[in-house]
Amino acid sequence: MATGWHPGRRIAVVGRIARDLVLVVPEVPATGGSAGVLERREMLGGKGADIARGTRQLGATAALVGVVGTTGRAACWSSGSTRTA
């Protein structure tokens, strides 16, 4: 049983990996309206990636394991490096 958070722990997260699309606009348009896009960002996302990112922000070392693409091969991401299995 866990007794609390321990920074510096090594955590492996198994979960979904996705690509998030973030559009930065000057203001939220009214219903039916539109807004020009100031910036477009594509970021690592999905529940697994979000949890891994959060644990890193809390001081743990996080590795993310999940299926990427259509080949059915698993990929492991840890601190910016990618390995396939």
PDB file of N, CA and C in Angstrom:
ATOM      1  N   MET A   1       0.833  -1.186   0.000  1.00  0.00           N
ATOM      2  CA  MET A   1       0.000   0.000   0.000  1.00  0.00           C
ATOM      3  C   MET A   1       0.877   1.249   0.000  1.00  0.00           C
ATOM      4  N   ALA A   2       0.500   2.209  -0.826  1.00  0.00           N
ATOM      5  CA  ALA A   2       1.272   3.442  -0.939  1.00  0.00           C
ATOM      6  C   ALA A   2       1.149   4.265   0.339  1.00  0.00           C
ATOM      7  N   THR A   3       2.253   4.889   0.717  1.00  0.00           N
ATOM      8  CA  THR A   3       2.250   5.712   1.930  1.00  0.00           C
ATOM      9  C   THR A   3       2.391   7.188   1.623  1.00  0.00           C
ATOM     10  N   GLY A   4       2.312   7.565   0.370  1.00  0.00           N
ATOM     11  CA  GLY A   4       2.431   8.965  -0.011  1.00  0.00           C
ATOM     12  C   GLY A   4       3.319   9.128  -1.227  1.00  0.00           C
ATOM     13  N   TRP A   5       3.474  10.356  -1.666  1.00  0.00           N
ATOM     14  CA  TRP A   5       4.264  10.644  -2.860  1.00  0.00           C
ATOM     15  C   TRP A   5       5.727  10.720  -2.493  1.00  0.00           C
ATOM     16  N   HIS A   6       6.566  10.083  -3.297  1.00  0.00           N
ATOM     17  CA  HIS A   6       8.002  10.086  -3.081  1.00  0.00           C
ATOM     18  C   HIS A   6       8.696  10.592  -4.338  1.00  0.00           C
ATOM     19  N   PRO A   7       9.083  11.887  -4.382  1.00  0.00           N
ATOM     20  CA  PRO A   7       9.771  12.421  -5.553  1.00  0.00           C
ATOM     21  C   PRO A   7      11.024  11.592  -5.863  1.00  0.00           C
ATOM     22  N   GLY A   8      11.355  11.495  -7.116  1.00  0.00           N
ATOM     23  CA  GLY A   8      12.517  10.741  -7.537  1.00  0.00           C
ATOM     24  C   GLY A   8      12.208   9.293  -7.884  1.00  0.00           C
ATOM     25  N   ARG A   9      10.987   8.864  -7.673  1.00  0.00           N
ATOM     26  CA  ARG A   9      10.598   7.492  -8.004  1.00  0.00           C
ATOM     27  C   ARG A   9      10.597   7.291  -9.506  1.00  0.00           C
ATOM     28  N   ARG A  10      10.791   6.055  -9.943  1.00  0.00           N
ATOM     29  CA  ARG A  10      10.724   5.686 -11.357  1.00  0.00           C
ATOM     30  C   ARG A  10       9.355   5.068 -11.607  1.00  0.00           C
ATOM     31  N   ILE A  11       8.624   5.610 -12.559  1.00  0.00           N
ATOM     32  CA  ILE A  11       7.261   5.176 -12.840  1.00  0.00           C
ATOM     33  C   ILE A  11       7.133   4.831 -14.316  1.00  0.00           C
ATOM     34  N   ALA A  12       6.499   3.697 -14.605  1.00  0.00           N
ATOM     35  CA  ALA A  12       6.180   3.326 -15.984  1.00  0.00           C
ATOM     36  C   ALA A  12       4.677   3.476 -16.169  1.00  0.00           C
ATOM     37  N   VAL A  13       4.273   4.218 -17.178  1.00  0.00           N
ATOM     38  CA  VAL A  13       2.864   4.439 -17.483  1.00  0.00           C
ATOM     39  C   VAL A  13       2.537   3.679 -18.767  1.00  0.00           C
ATOM     40  N   VAL A  14       1.529   2.824 -18.712  1.00  0.00           N
ATOM     41  CA  VAL A  14       1.057   2.120 -19.901  1.00  0.00           C
ATOM     42  C   VAL A  14      -0.284   2.729 -20.259  1.00  0.00           C
ATOM     43  N   GLY A  15      -0.374   3.324 -21.446  1.00  0.00           N
ATOM     44  CA  GLY A  15      -1.619   3.983 -21.811  1.00  0.00           C
ATOM     45  C   GLY A  15      -1.618   4.479 -23.236  1.00  0.00           C
ATOM     46  N   ARG A  16      -2.680   5.151 -23.562  1.00  0.00           N
ATOM     47  CA  ARG A  16      -2.856   5.666 -24.921  1.00  0.00           C
ATOM     48  C   ARG A  16      -1.909   6.815 -25.207  1.00  0.00           C
ATOM     49  N   ILE A  17      -1.441   6.825 -26.453  1.00  0.00           N
ATOM     50  CA  ILE A  17      -0.601   7.910 -26.944  1.00  0.00           C
ATOM     51  C   ILE A  17      -1.331   8.523 -28.133  1.00  0.00           C
ATOM     52  N   ALA A  18      -1.425   9.816 -28.143  1.00  0.00           N
ATOM     53  CA  ALA A  18      -2.113  10.512 -29.227  1.00  0.00           C
ATOM     54  C   ALA A  18      -1.333  11.787 -29.557  1.00  0.00           C
ATOM     55  N   ARG A  19      -1.766  12.440 -30.591  1.00  0.00           N
ATOM     56  CA  ARG A  19      -1.192  13.729 -30.958  1.00  0.00           C
ATOM     57  C   ARG A  19      -2.273  14.776 -30.729  1.00  0.00           C
ATOM     58  N   ASP A  20      -1.993  15.730 -29.852  1.00  0.00           N
ATOM     59  CA  ASP A  20      -2.933  16.808 -29.583  1.00  0.00           C
ATOM     60  C   ASP A  20      -2.664  17.978 -30.519  1.00  0.00           C
ATOM     61  N   LEU A  21      -3.724  18.555 -31.030  1.00  0.00           N
ATOM     62  CA  LEU A  21      -3.628  19.750 -31.857  1.00  0.00           C
ATOM     63  C   LEU A  21      -4.130  20.924 -31.029  1.00  0.00           C
ATOM     64  N   VAL A  22      -3.278  21.922 -30.841  1.00  0.00           N
ATOM     65  CA  VAL A  22      -3.632  23.114 -30.069  1.00  0.00           C
ATOM     66  C   VAL A  22      -3.598  24.304 -31.012  1.00  0.00           C
ATOM     67  N   LEU A  23      -4.708  25.023 -31.090  1.00  0.00           N
ATOM     68  CA  LEU A  23      -4.779  26.235 -31.905  1.00  0.00           C
ATOM     69  C   LEU A  23      -4.895  27.436 -30.972  1.00  0.00           C
ATOM     70  N   VAL A  24      -3.983  28.374 -31.107  1.00  0.00           N
ATOM     71  CA  VAL A  24      -4.001  29.584 -30.292  1.00  0.00           C
ATOM     72  C   VAL A  24      -4.737  30.660 -31.086  1.00  0.00           C
ATOM     73  N   VAL A  25      -5.801  31.207 -30.492  1.00  0.00           N
ATOM     74  CA  VAL A  25      -6.606  32.243 -31.142  1.00  0.00           C
ATOM     75  C   VAL A  25      -6.633  33.482 -30.252  1.00  0.00           C
ATOM     76  N   PRO A  26      -6.867  34.662 -30.825  1.00  0.00           N
ATOM     77  CA  PRO A  26      -6.857  35.892 -30.018  1.00  0.00           C
ATOM     78  C   PRO A  26      -8.009  35.952 -29.019  1.00  0.00           C
ATOM     79  N   GLU A  27      -9.135  35.326 -29.366  1.00  0.00           N
ATOM     80  CA  GLU A  27     -10.293  35.291 -28.457  1.00  0.00           C
ATOM     81  C   GLU A  27     -11.216  34.159 -28.890  1.00  0.00           C
ATOM     82  N   VAL A  28     -12.022  33.677 -27.971  1.00  0.00           N
ATOM     83  CA  VAL A  28     -12.967  32.608 -28.288  1.00  0.00           C
ATOM     84  C   VAL A  28     -14.100  33.218 -29.114  1.00  0.00           C
ATOM     85  N   PRO A  29     -14.369  32.683 -30.291  1.00  0.00           N
ATOM     86  CA  PRO A  29     -15.424  33.261 -31.128  1.00  0.00           C
ATOM     87  C   PRO A  29     -16.819  32.973 -30.566  1.00  0.00           C
ATOM     88  N   ALA A  30     -17.763  33.807 -30.924  1.00  0.00           N
ATOM     89  CA  ALA A  30     -19.156  33.590 -30.536  1.00  0.00           C
ATOM     90  C   ALA A  30     -19.680  32.356 -31.259  1.00  0.00           C
ATOM     91  N   THR A  31     -20.804  31.827 -30.794  1.00  0.00           N
ATOM     92  CA  THR A  31     -21.422  30.675 -31.437  1.00  0.00           C
ATOM     93  C   THR A  31     -21.639  30.954 -32.919  1.00  0.00           C
ATOM     94  N   GLY A  32     -21.154  30.061 -33.763  1.00  0.00           N
ATOM     95  CA  GLY A  32     -21.284  30.230 -35.212  1.00  0.00           C
ATOM     96  C   GLY A  32     -20.234  31.142 -35.812  1.00  0.00           C
ATOM     97  N   GLY A  33     -19.388  31.747 -34.969  1.00  0.00           N
ATOM     98  CA  GLY A  33     -18.373  32.671 -35.460  1.00  0.00           C
ATOM     99  C   GLY A  33     -17.071  31.960 -35.785  1.00  0.00           C
ATOM    100  N   SER A  34     -16.061  32.725 -36.087  1.00  0.00           N
ATOM    101  CA  SER A  34     -14.748  32.174 -36.399  1.00  0.00           C
ATOM    102  C   SER A  34     -13.675  33.094 -35.824  1.00  0.00           C
ATOM    103  N   ALA A  35     -12.464  32.584 -35.787  1.00  0.00           N
ATOM    104  CA  ALA A  35     -11.331  33.372 -35.296  1.00  0.00           C
ATOM    105  C   ALA A  35     -10.093  32.955 -36.076  1.00  0.00           C
ATOM    106  N   GLY A  36      -9.236  33.905 -36.310  1.00  0.00           N
ATOM    107  CA  GLY A  36      -7.972  33.600 -36.966  1.00  0.00           C
ATOM    108  C   GLY A  36      -7.051  32.844 -36.012  1.00  0.00           C
ATOM    109  N   VAL A  37      -6.257  31.940 -36.563  1.00  0.00           N
ATOM    110  CA  VAL A  37      -5.334  31.158 -35.748  1.00  0.00           C
ATOM    111  C   VAL A  37      -3.990  31.873 -35.696  1.00  0.00           C
ATOM    112  N   LEU A  38      -3.543  32.188 -34.476  1.00  0.00           N
ATOM    113  CA  LEU A  38      -2.260  32.858 -34.296  1.00  0.00           C
ATOM    114  C   LEU A  38      -1.102  31.868 -34.308  1.00  0.00           C
ATOM    115  N   GLU A  39      -1.354  30.677 -33.772  1.00  0.00           N
ATOM    116  CA  GLU A  39      -0.305  29.670 -33.674  1.00  0.00           C
ATOM    117  C   GLU A  39      -0.928  28.281 -33.667  1.00  0.00           C
ATOM    118  N   ARG A  40      -0.256  27.329 -34.300  1.00  0.00           N
ATOM    119  CA  ARG A  40      -0.694  25.935 -34.330  1.00  0.00           C
ATOM    120  C   ARG A  40       0.403  25.086 -33.703  1.00  0.00           C
ATOM    121  N   ARG A  41       0.039  24.261 -32.719  1.00  0.00           N
ATOM    122  CA  ARG A  41       1.010  23.391 -32.040  1.00  0.00           C
ATOM    123  C   ARG A  41       0.511  21.952 -32.088  1.00  0.00           C
ATOM    124  N   GLU A  42       1.400  21.030 -32.379  1.00  0.00           N
ATOM    125  CA  GLU A  42       1.086  19.606 -32.278  1.00  0.00           C
ATOM    126  C   GLU A  42       1.953  19.060 -31.158  1.00  0.00           C
ATOM    127  N   MET A  43       1.304  18.427 -30.169  1.00  0.00           N
ATOM    128  CA  MET A  43       2.001  17.991 -28.970  1.00  0.00           C
ATOM    129  C   MET A  43       1.674  16.539 -28.663  1.00  0.00           C
ATOM    130  N   LEU A  44       2.575  15.886 -27.917  1.00  0.00           N
ATOM    131  CA  LEU A  44       2.320  14.544 -27.439  1.00  0.00           C
ATOM    132  C   LEU A  44       1.141  14.601 -26.479  1.00  0.00           C
ATOM    133  N   GLY A  45       0.150  13.734 -26.684  1.00  0.00           N
ATOM    134  CA  GLY A  45      -1.031  13.748 -25.829  1.00  0.00           C
ATOM    135  C   GLY A  45      -1.582  12.353 -25.629  1.00  0.00           C
ATOM    136  N   GLY A  46      -2.809  12.276 -25.182  1.00  0.00           N
ATOM    137  CA  GLY A  46      -3.438  11.019 -24.813  1.00  0.00           C
ATOM    138  C   GLY A  46      -3.329  10.830 -23.309  1.00  0.00           C
ATOM    139  N   LYS A  47      -4.196   9.995 -22.745  1.00  0.00           N
ATOM    140  CA  LYS A  47      -4.210   9.828 -21.292  1.00  0.00           C
ATOM    141  C   LYS A  47      -2.874   9.361 -20.736  1.00  0.00           C
ATOM    142  N   GLY A  48      -2.264   8.375 -21.385  1.00  0.00           N
ATOM    143  CA  GLY A  48      -0.984   7.868 -20.895  1.00  0.00           C
ATOM    144  C   GLY A  48       0.088   8.939 -20.900  1.00  0.00           C
ATOM    145  N   ALA A  49       0.176   9.684 -21.997  1.00  0.00           N
ATOM    146  CA  ALA A  49       1.171  10.745 -22.109  1.00  0.00           C
ATOM    147  C   ALA A  49       0.920  11.850 -21.093  1.00  0.00           C
ATOM    148  N   ASP A  50      -0.335  12.195 -20.879  1.00  0.00           N
ATOM    149  CA  ASP A  50      -0.665  13.238 -19.907  1.00  0.00           C
ATOM    150  C   ASP A  50      -0.268  12.821 -18.494  1.00  0.00           C
ATOM    151  N   ILE A  51      -0.506  11.553 -18.140  1.00  0.00           N
ATOM    152  CA  ILE A  51      -0.142  11.064 -16.815  1.00  0.00           C
ATOM    153  C   ILE A  51       1.381  11.035 -16.663  1.00  0.00           C
ATOM    154  N   ALA A  52       2.093  10.560 -17.686  1.00  0.00           N
ATOM    155  CA  ALA A  52       3.554  10.533 -17.636  1.00  0.00           C
ATOM    156  C   ALA A  52       4.114  11.944 -17.476  1.00  0.00           C
ATOM    157  N   ARG A  53       3.562  12.900 -18.218  1.00  0.00           N
ATOM    158  CA  ARG A  53       4.014  14.291 -18.119  1.00  0.00           C
ATOM    159  C   ARG A  53       3.775  14.832 -16.714  1.00  0.00           C
ATOM    160  N   GLY A  54       2.611  14.541 -16.158  1.00  0.00           N
ATOM    161  CA  GLY A  54       2.290  15.007 -14.800  1.00  0.00           C
ATOM    162  C   GLY A  54       3.217  14.437 -13.741  1.00  0.00           C
ATOM    163  N   THR A  55       3.551  13.151 -13.854  1.00  0.00           N
ATOM    164  CA  THR A  55       4.455  12.558 -12.872  1.00  0.00           C
ATOM    165  C   THR A  55       5.853  13.161 -12.984  1.00  0.00           C
ATOM    166  N   ARG A  56       6.283  13.484 -14.214  1.00  0.00           N
ATOM    167  CA  ARG A  56       7.582  14.154 -14.383  1.00  0.00           C
ATOM    168  C   ARG A  56       7.558  15.533 -13.722  1.00  0.00           C
ATOM    169  N   GLN A  57       6.440  16.241 -13.860  1.00  0.00           N
ATOM    170  CA  GLN A  57       6.339  17.561 -13.251  1.00  0.00           C
ATOM    171  C   GLN A  57       6.363  17.485 -11.726  1.00  0.00           C
ATOM    172  N   LEU A  58       5.984  16.334 -11.173  1.00  0.00           N
ATOM    173  CA  LEU A  58       6.013  16.130  -9.726  1.00  0.00           C
ATOM    174  C   LEU A  58       7.362  15.616  -9.234  1.00  0.00           C
ATOM    175  N   GLY A  59       8.298  15.381 -10.151  1.00  0.00           N
ATOM    176  CA  GLY A  59       9.638  14.998  -9.760  1.00  0.00           C
ATOM    177  C   GLY A  59       9.999  13.546  -9.969  1.00  0.00           C
ATOM    178  N   ALA A  60       9.108  12.746 -10.525  1.00  0.00           N
ATOM    179  CA  ALA A  60       9.412  11.336 -10.776  1.00  0.00           C
ATOM    180  C   ALA A  60      10.029  11.173 -12.161  1.00  0.00           C
ATOM    181  N   THR A  61      10.712  10.069 -12.376  1.00  0.00           N
ATOM    182  CA  THR A  61      11.181   9.697 -13.698  1.00  0.00           C
ATOM    183  C   THR A  61      10.091   8.847 -14.324  1.00  0.00           C
ATOM    184  N   ALA A  62       9.595   9.246 -15.479  1.00  0.00           N
ATOM    185  CA  ALA A  62       8.464   8.547 -16.099  1.00  0.00           C
ATOM    186  C   ALA A  62       8.857   7.959 -17.440  1.00  0.00           C
ATOM    187  N   ALA A  63       8.393   6.745 -17.677  1.00  0.00           N
ATOM    188  CA  ALA A  63       8.506   6.108 -18.985  1.00  0.00           C
ATOM    189  C   ALA A  63       7.093   5.842 -19.464  1.00  0.00           C
ATOM    190  N   LEU A  64       6.854   6.011 -20.742  1.00  0.00           N
ATOM    191  CA  LEU A  64       5.531   5.817 -21.318  1.00  0.00           C
ATOM    192  C   LEU A  64       5.582   4.679 -22.315  1.00  0.00           C
ATOM    193  N   VAL A  65       4.707   3.702 -22.155  1.00  0.00           N
ATOM    194  CA  VAL A  65       4.629   2.564 -23.057  1.00  0.00           C
ATOM    195  C   VAL A  65       3.236   2.540 -23.665  1.00  0.00           C
ATOM    196  N   GLY A  66       3.161   2.471 -24.994  1.00  0.00           N
ATOM    197  CA  GLY A  66       1.870   2.430 -25.663  1.00  0.00           C
ATOM    198  C   GLY A  66       2.026   2.074 -27.120  1.00  0.00           C
ATOM    199  N   VAL A  67       0.923   1.759 -27.756  1.00  0.00           N
ATOM    200  CA  VAL A  67       0.925   1.409 -29.175  1.00  0.00           C
ATOM    201  C   VAL A  67       0.818   2.690 -29.991  1.00  0.00           C
ATOM    202  N   VAL A  68       1.655   2.786 -31.026  1.00  0.00           N
ATOM    203  CA  VAL A  68       1.675   3.958 -31.892  1.00  0.00           C
ATOM    204  C   VAL A  68       1.536   3.498 -33.333  1.00  0.00           C
ATOM    205  N   GLY A  69       0.661   4.130 -34.075  1.00  0.00           N
ATOM    206  CA  GLY A  69       0.497   3.800 -35.484  1.00  0.00           C
ATOM    207  C   GLY A  69      -0.381   2.584 -35.698  1.00  0.00           C
ATOM    208  N   THR A  70      -0.282   2.015 -36.882  1.00  0.00           N
ATOM    209  CA  THR A  70      -1.168   0.911 -37.259  1.00  0.00           C
ATOM    210  C   THR A  70      -0.461  -0.431 -37.334  1.00  0.00           C
ATOM    211  N   THR A  71       0.831  -0.479 -36.985  1.00  0.00           N
ATOM    212  CA  THR A  71       1.579  -1.735 -37.102  1.00  0.00           C
ATOM    213  C   THR A  71       1.372  -2.653 -35.913  1.00  0.00           C
ATOM    214  N   GLY A  72       0.823  -2.135 -34.822  1.00  0.00           N
ATOM    215  CA  GLY A  72       0.632  -2.935 -33.624  1.00  0.00           C
ATOM    216  C   GLY A  72       1.897  -3.088 -32.804  1.00  0.00           C
ATOM    217  N   ARG A  73       2.952  -2.364 -33.147  1.00  0.00           N
ATOM    218  CA  ARG A  73       4.194  -2.413 -32.378  1.00  0.00           C
ATOM    219  C   ARG A  73       4.104  -1.430 -31.224  1.00  0.00           C
ATOM    220  N   ALA A  74       4.643  -1.811 -30.092  1.00  0.00           N
ATOM    221  CA  ALA A  74       4.642  -0.928 -28.925  1.00  0.00           C
ATOM    222  C   ALA A  74       5.851  -0.002 -28.996  1.00  0.00           C
ATOM    223  N   ALA A  75       5.705   1.184 -28.461  1.00  0.00           N
ATOM    224  CA  ALA A  75       6.810   2.136 -28.396  1.00  0.00           C
ATOM    225  C   ALA A  75       6.996   2.565 -26.957  1.00  0.00           C
ATOM    226  N   CYS A  76       8.237   2.813 -26.569  1.00  0.00           N
ATOM    227  CA  CYS A  76       8.542   3.269 -25.223  1.00  0.00           C
ATOM    228  C   CYS A  76       9.186   4.634 -25.332  1.00  0.00           C
ATOM    229  N   TRP A  77       8.659   5.603 -24.610  1.00  0.00           N
ATOM    230  CA  TRP A  77       9.199   6.956 -24.605  1.00  0.00           C
ATOM    231  C   TRP A  77       9.651   7.271 -23.195  1.00  0.00           C
ATOM    232  N   SER A  78      10.863   7.752 -23.068  1.00  0.00           N
ATOM    233  CA  SER A  78      11.378   8.112 -21.753  1.00  0.00           C
ATOM    234  C   SER A  78      12.350   9.264 -21.917  1.00  0.00           C
ATOM    235  N   SER A  79      12.056  10.376 -21.298  1.00  0.00           N
ATOM    236  CA  SER A  79      12.935  11.542 -21.310  1.00  0.00           C
ATOM    237  C   SER A  79      13.388  11.936 -22.707  1.00  0.00           C
ATOM    238  N   GLY A  80      12.471  11.882 -23.666  1.00  0.00           N
ATOM    239  CA  GLY A  80      12.772  12.341 -25.013  1.00  0.00           C
ATOM    240  C   GLY A  80      13.325  11.282 -25.947  1.00  0.00           C
ATOM    241  N   SER A  81      13.621  10.091 -25.462  1.00  0.00           N
ATOM    242  CA  SER A  81      14.109   9.043 -26.360  1.00  0.00           C
ATOM    243  C   SER A  81      12.976   8.084 -26.692  1.00  0.00           C
ATOM    244  N   THR A  82      13.015   7.509 -27.869  1.00  0.00           N
ATOM    245  CA  THR A  82      11.959   6.590 -28.305  1.00  0.00           C
ATOM    246  C   THR A  82      12.586   5.258 -28.690  1.00  0.00           C
ATOM    247  N   ARG A  83      11.976   4.178 -28.216  1.00  0.00           N
ATOM    248  CA  ARG A  83      12.407   2.837 -28.607  1.00  0.00           C
ATOM    249  C   ARG A  83      11.171   2.057 -29.010  1.00  0.00           C
ATOM    250  N   THR A  84      11.304   1.160 -29.969  1.00  0.00           N
ATOM    251  CA  THR A  84      10.182   0.308 -30.356  1.00  0.00           C
ATOM    252  C   THR A  84      10.468  -1.115 -29.933  1.00  0.00           C
ATOM    253  N   ALA A  85       9.379  -1.853 -29.721  1.00  0.00           N
ATOM    254  CA  ALA A  85       9.509  -3.248 -29.316  1.00  0.00           C
ATOM    255  C   ALA A  85       8.664  -4.119 -30.214  1.00  0.00           C
TER     256      ALA A  85
END
